[in-house]
């Protein structure tokens, strides 16, 4: 009994330390975003003597936050919608189709998860330029779909196995074709893993820096992360302003993750175990 209590106390202590370590950078970013440049350099860890909200108003205007947020939102929603629809259909079909060809196609999708992005970065940029999608927010969203389907197919493939085939047979007996069976019967049952995929991909697309940097050439098409990067000058870096911009950029991600974290953990666990 004492050993069990000691183990529980140790685990709680480790989790508390992990929480403090994880929260500390956020805390430092927030308190320093309310300071002046001189006050921040005088003491990075001290609380601000006065709250300088003008940092946030300047960051709002200099990053063109509304336009950048709209670009990030458009790219995220198109990318997530495409990933969910394509991956759900592919994962369902591959899971329900028995044979060597189906297994080989699924293996190729899973194997592509191991390919680092930096190894395809240059060919992808050239291909985007040849297809005239470079510099377009919609073209960038299409690229995200192509890069994001492998993980989503893997999760859907495992989750579909938990759904009884009798449901599909009953739907077919009632006159539903394969697409009607999927969208009316199967897809609603995939809600837990769909929510997980949507949130994980939203965090990825919203926070991504390298791919938008490679693909977007017009300032009016910049995402929030790219617009924040414009605050970094060669000879001038106002860190208070930069931190304020980063806090504004992070708010949607933190809220969404905090609200849906239960679905993320459950969906990943179910999809991986059932796979």
Protein backbone atom coordinates (compact mmCIF):
# COMPACT_ATOMS: atom_id res chain seq x y z
CA UNK A 1 0.00 0.00 0.00
CA UNK A 2 2.81 2.39 0.93
CA UNK A 3 4.66 1.44 -2.24
CA UNK A 4 1.59 2.21 -4.32
CA UNK A 5 1.18 5.61 -2.64
CA UNK A 6 4.87 6.36 -3.15
CA UNK A 7 4.62 5.47 -6.85
CA UNK A 8 1.52 7.65 -7.21
CA UNK A 9 3.27 10.56 -5.47
CA UNK A 10 6.34 10.15 -7.67
CA UNK A 11 4.24 10.13 -10.85
CA UNK A 12 2.35 13.22 -9.68
CA UNK A 13 5.63 14.99 -8.93
CA UNK A 14 7.04 14.12 -12.35
CA UNK A 15 3.86 15.36 -14.05
CA UNK A 16 3.99 18.61 -12.07
CA UNK A 17 7.61 19.18 -13.06
CA UNK A 18 6.73 18.45 -16.69
CA UNK A 19 3.81 20.89 -16.54
CA UNK A 20 6.01 23.64 -15.09
CA UNK A 21 8.70 23.06 -17.72
CA UNK A 22 6.09 23.13 -20.50
CA UNK A 23 4.30 26.21 -19.19
CA UNK A 24 7.42 28.24 -18.38
CA UNK A 25 8.18 29.41 -21.98
CA UNK A 26 4.55 30.52 -22.38
CA UNK A 27 4.73 32.41 -19.09
CA UNK A 28 7.97 34.14 -20.11
CA UNK A 29 6.56 35.09 -23.50
CA UNK A 30 3.41 36.59 -21.98
CA UNK A 31 5.07 38.66 -19.24
CA UNK A 32 7.76 40.00 -21.59
CA UNK A 33 5.21 40.92 -24.24
CA UNK A 34 3.93 43.59 -21.85
CA UNK A 35 7.38 45.14 -21.29
CA UNK A 36 9.42 47.69 -23.16
CA UNK A 37 12.57 46.58 -24.93
CA UNK A 38 14.81 48.13 -22.28
CA UNK A 39 12.81 46.71 -19.38
CA UNK A 40 12.95 43.23 -20.89
CA UNK A 41 16.72 43.32 -21.35
CA UNK A 42 17.15 44.65 -17.80
CA UNK A 43 15.42 41.58 -16.34
CA UNK A 44 13.91 38.91 -18.53
CA UNK A 45 12.28 37.02 -15.65
CA UNK A 46 10.87 39.95 -13.66
CA UNK A 47 7.23 40.95 -13.85
CA UNK A 48 6.49 44.14 -15.86
CA UNK A 49 6.26 47.31 -13.77
CA UNK A 50 3.60 48.57 -16.17
CA UNK A 51 1.49 46.72 -18.73
CA UNK A 52 2.35 48.06 -22.20
CA UNK A 53 -0.71 47.07 -24.25
CA UNK A 54 0.61 49.16 -27.13
CA UNK A 55 2.89 46.21 -27.97
CA UNK A 56 -0.19 44.23 -28.94
CA UNK A 57 -1.76 47.05 -30.95
CA UNK A 58 1.51 47.58 -32.87
CA UNK A 59 1.88 43.84 -33.47
CA UNK A 60 -1.73 43.71 -34.65
CA UNK A 61 -1.15 46.39 -37.29
CA UNK A 62 2.41 45.54 -38.37
CA UNK A 63 1.61 41.88 -38.99
CA UNK A 64 -1.68 42.74 -40.77
CA UNK A 65 -3.20 40.27 -38.37
CA UNK A 66 -6.74 40.13 -39.78
CA UNK A 67 -5.57 39.45 -43.33
CA UNK A 68 -2.90 36.98 -42.19
CA UNK A 69 -5.37 35.19 -39.92
CA UNK A 70 -7.82 34.93 -42.82
CA UNK A 71 -5.11 33.40 -45.03
CA UNK A 72 -4.16 30.91 -42.30
CA UNK A 73 -7.82 30.02 -41.78
CA UNK A 74 -8.48 29.46 -45.50
CA UNK A 75 -5.39 27.27 -45.88
CA UNK A 76 -6.18 25.31 -42.70
CA UNK A 77 -9.83 24.62 -43.53
CA UNK A 78 -9.22 23.64 -47.16
CA UNK A 79 -6.27 21.49 -46.16
CA UNK A 80 -8.12 19.78 -43.30
CA UNK A 81 -11.26 19.24 -45.39
CA UNK A 82 -9.28 17.65 -48.21
CA UNK A 83 -7.24 15.47 -45.86
CA UNK A 84 -10.33 14.21 -44.01
CA UNK A 85 -12.41 13.39 -47.11
CA UNK A 86 -9.59 11.80 -49.15
CA UNK A 87 -8.12 9.89 -46.23
CA UNK A 88 -11.46 8.64 -44.89
CA UNK A 89 -12.41 7.24 -48.30
CA UNK A 90 -8.97 5.73 -48.90
CA UNK A 91 -8.63 4.32 -45.38
CA UNK A 92 -12.10 2.76 -45.56
CA UNK A 93 -11.54 1.20 -48.97
CA UNK A 94 -8.07 -0.13 -48.13
CA UNK A 95 -9.31 -1.55 -44.84
CA UNK A 96 -12.28 -3.34 -46.42
CA UNK A 97 -10.39 -4.62 -49.49
CA UNK A 98 -8.43 -7.79 -48.96
CA UNK A 99 -5.49 -8.61 -51.19
CA UNK A 100 -1.84 -7.99 -51.88
CA UNK A 101 -2.47 -4.85 -53.92
CA UNK A 102 -4.43 -3.21 -51.12
CA UNK A 103 -1.74 -4.13 -48.59
CA UNK A 104 1.00 -2.82 -50.88
CA UNK A 105 -0.77 0.53 -51.38
CA UNK A 106 -1.33 0.88 -47.64
CA UNK A 107 2.33 0.06 -47.00
CA UNK A 108 3.40 2.81 -49.42
CA UNK A 109 1.29 5.36 -47.55
CA UNK A 110 2.73 4.27 -44.21
CA UNK A 111 6.30 4.17 -45.56
CA UNK A 112 5.94 7.74 -46.87
CA UNK A 113 5.52 8.90 -43.26
CA UNK A 114 9.19 8.08 -42.75
CA UNK A 115 10.39 10.41 -45.53
CA UNK A 116 11.65 13.69 -44.02
CA UNK A 117 10.21 16.85 -45.52
CA UNK A 118 13.66 18.37 -46.11
CA UNK A 119 14.50 15.59 -48.57
CA UNK A 120 11.57 16.49 -50.85
CA UNK A 121 11.65 20.24 -50.24
CA UNK A 122 13.47 21.26 -53.44
CA UNK A 123 11.61 18.88 -55.82
CA UNK A 124 8.30 19.96 -54.26
CA UNK A 125 9.12 23.63 -54.82
CA UNK A 126 10.02 23.01 -58.45
CA UNK A 127 6.89 20.95 -59.04
CA UNK A 128 4.71 23.66 -57.45
CA UNK A 129 6.32 26.24 -59.74
CA UNK A 130 5.77 24.07 -62.83
CA UNK A 131 2.10 23.54 -61.90
CA UNK A 132 1.65 27.29 -61.24
CA UNK A 133 0.48 26.79 -57.65
CA UNK A 134 3.43 28.53 -56.02
CA UNK A 135 2.39 31.84 -54.50
CA UNK A 136 -1.25 30.80 -54.08
CA UNK A 137 -2.95 30.13 -50.75
CA UNK A 138 -5.19 27.55 -52.44
CA UNK A 139 -2.18 25.88 -54.02
CA UNK A 140 -0.51 25.72 -50.62
CA UNK A 141 -3.65 24.10 -49.18
CA UNK A 142 -3.51 21.41 -51.90
CA UNK A 143 0.10 20.67 -51.01
CA UNK A 144 -0.87 20.26 -47.37
CA UNK A 145 -3.50 17.74 -48.44
CA UNK A 146 -0.86 15.72 -50.28
CA UNK A 147 1.53 15.81 -47.33
CA UNK A 148 -1.10 15.06 -44.70
CA UNK A 149 -3.04 12.11 -46.10
CA UNK A 150 -0.48 9.42 -45.16
CA UNK A 151 -0.88 9.74 -41.40
CA UNK A 152 -4.64 10.21 -41.71
CA UNK A 153 -5.04 7.09 -43.86
CA UNK A 154 -3.06 5.12 -41.29
CA UNK A 155 -5.39 6.23 -38.49
CA UNK A 156 -8.60 5.75 -40.49
CA UNK A 157 -7.44 2.33 -41.68
CA UNK A 158 -7.08 1.13 -38.10
CA UNK A 159 -10.31 2.71 -36.89
CA UNK A 160 -12.47 1.26 -39.68
CA UNK A 161 -11.56 -2.27 -38.55
CA UNK A 162 -13.57 -1.72 -35.37
CA UNK A 163 -16.79 -1.09 -37.35
CA UNK A 164 -18.87 -4.27 -37.96
CA UNK A 165 -19.30 -5.24 -41.62
CA UNK A 166 -22.93 -6.12 -40.90
CA UNK A 167 -23.79 -2.41 -40.94
CA UNK A 168 -22.62 -2.11 -44.53
CA UNK A 169 -24.39 -5.29 -45.57
CA UNK A 170 -27.64 -4.02 -44.08
CA UNK A 171 -27.27 -0.70 -45.90
CA UNK A 172 -26.62 -2.47 -49.21
CA UNK A 173 -29.69 -4.63 -48.69
CA UNK A 174 -31.69 -1.40 -48.27
CA UNK A 175 -30.48 -0.22 -51.68
CA UNK A 176 -27.50 1.98 -50.77
CA UNK A 177 -24.54 2.04 -53.13
CA UNK A 178 -20.97 2.11 -51.85
CA UNK A 179 -20.74 5.91 -51.56
CA UNK A 180 -24.12 6.18 -49.84
CA UNK A 181 -23.10 3.44 -47.41
CA UNK A 182 -19.90 5.27 -46.58
CA UNK A 183 -21.29 8.76 -46.11
CA UNK A 184 -24.54 7.75 -44.38
CA UNK A 185 -23.36 4.84 -42.25
CA UNK A 186 -19.58 4.66 -41.92
CA UNK A 187 -18.42 8.28 -41.93
CA UNK A 188 -20.59 9.36 -38.94
CA UNK A 189 -19.07 6.49 -36.94
CA UNK A 190 -15.59 7.84 -37.72
CA UNK A 191 -16.25 11.05 -35.79
CA UNK A 192 -13.75 10.40 -32.93
CA UNK A 193 -10.81 9.78 -35.25
CA UNK A 194 -11.97 12.53 -37.63
CA UNK A 195 -11.89 15.09 -34.81
CA UNK A 196 -8.42 13.88 -33.83
CA UNK A 197 -7.07 14.17 -37.37
CA UNK A 198 -8.66 17.58 -37.90
CA UNK A 199 -7.17 19.04 -34.72
CA UNK A 200 -3.70 17.58 -35.23
CA UNK A 201 -3.62 18.83 -38.82
CA UNK A 202 -4.89 22.23 -37.73
CA UNK A 203 -2.02 22.52 -35.23
CA UNK A 204 0.44 21.46 -37.93
CA UNK A 205 -0.84 23.75 -40.71
CA UNK A 206 -1.45 26.78 -38.49
CA UNK A 207 2.02 26.62 -36.91
CA UNK A 208 3.97 25.62 -40.01
CA UNK A 209 6.63 28.06 -41.16
CA UNK A 210 8.89 26.38 -43.71
CA UNK A 211 6.33 25.33 -46.32
CA UNK A 212 4.56 28.73 -46.49
CA UNK A 213 7.99 30.38 -46.65
CA UNK A 214 8.82 28.27 -49.71
CA UNK A 215 5.45 28.59 -51.45
CA UNK A 216 4.11 32.07 -50.71
CA UNK A 217 5.75 34.98 -52.48
CA UNK A 218 3.16 37.76 -52.02
CA UNK A 219 2.96 39.53 -48.65
CA UNK A 220 -0.83 39.74 -49.03
CA UNK A 221 -0.96 35.92 -49.01
CA UNK A 222 1.24 35.45 -45.95
CA UNK A 223 0.06 33.31 -43.04
CA UNK A 224 0.22 34.51 -39.45
CA UNK A 225 3.55 32.79 -38.84
CA UNK A 226 5.13 34.38 -41.92
CA UNK A 227 3.74 37.81 -41.04
CA UNK A 228 5.24 37.50 -37.56
CA UNK A 229 8.59 36.64 -39.12
CA UNK A 230 8.53 40.03 -40.87
CA UNK A 231 9.16 41.64 -37.46
CA UNK A 232 12.66 40.16 -37.44
CA UNK A 233 14.87 42.77 -39.09
CA UNK A 234 18.55 42.44 -39.95
CA UNK A 235 19.60 45.24 -37.61
CA UNK A 236 16.53 45.74 -35.44
CA UNK A 237 14.63 43.20 -33.39
CA UNK A 238 11.97 44.51 -31.03
CA UNK A 239 11.51 41.40 -28.92
CA UNK A 240 8.61 42.84 -26.92
CA UNK A 241 6.72 43.39 -30.16
CA UNK A 242 7.71 39.99 -31.50
CA UNK A 243 6.57 38.22 -28.33
CA UNK A 244 3.24 40.08 -28.44
CA UNK A 245 2.74 38.90 -32.03
CA UNK A 246 3.63 35.33 -31.09
CA UNK A 247 1.14 35.38 -28.20
CA UNK A 248 -1.62 36.61 -30.54
CA UNK A 249 -0.72 33.91 -33.06
CA UNK A 250 -0.74 31.16 -30.43
CA UNK A 251 -4.11 31.97 -28.84
CA UNK A 252 -6.31 30.07 -31.37
CA UNK A 253 -4.06 27.00 -31.23
CA UNK A 254 -3.96 26.90 -27.43
CA UNK A 255 -7.75 27.30 -27.13
CA UNK A 256 -8.53 24.61 -29.68
CA UNK A 257 -6.03 22.15 -28.24
CA UNK A 258 -7.21 22.75 -24.67
CA UNK A 259 -10.83 22.23 -25.64
CA UNK A 260 -10.35 19.10 -27.78
CA UNK A 261 -7.35 17.41 -26.12
CA UNK A 262 -9.54 14.55 -24.83
CA UNK A 263 -10.60 13.69 -28.37
CA UNK A 264 -7.01 13.81 -29.56
CA UNK A 265 -5.78 11.28 -27.00
CA UNK A 266 -8.78 8.96 -27.41
CA UNK A 267 -8.71 9.06 -31.20
CA UNK A 268 -5.00 8.33 -31.49
CA UNK A 269 -5.22 5.49 -28.97
CA UNK A 270 -8.22 3.87 -30.65
CA UNK A 271 -6.86 4.24 -34.17
CA UNK A 272 -3.42 2.89 -33.28
CA UNK A 273 -4.59 -0.03 -31.12
CA UNK A 274 -7.31 -1.15 -33.52
CA UNK A 275 -4.91 -0.92 -36.41
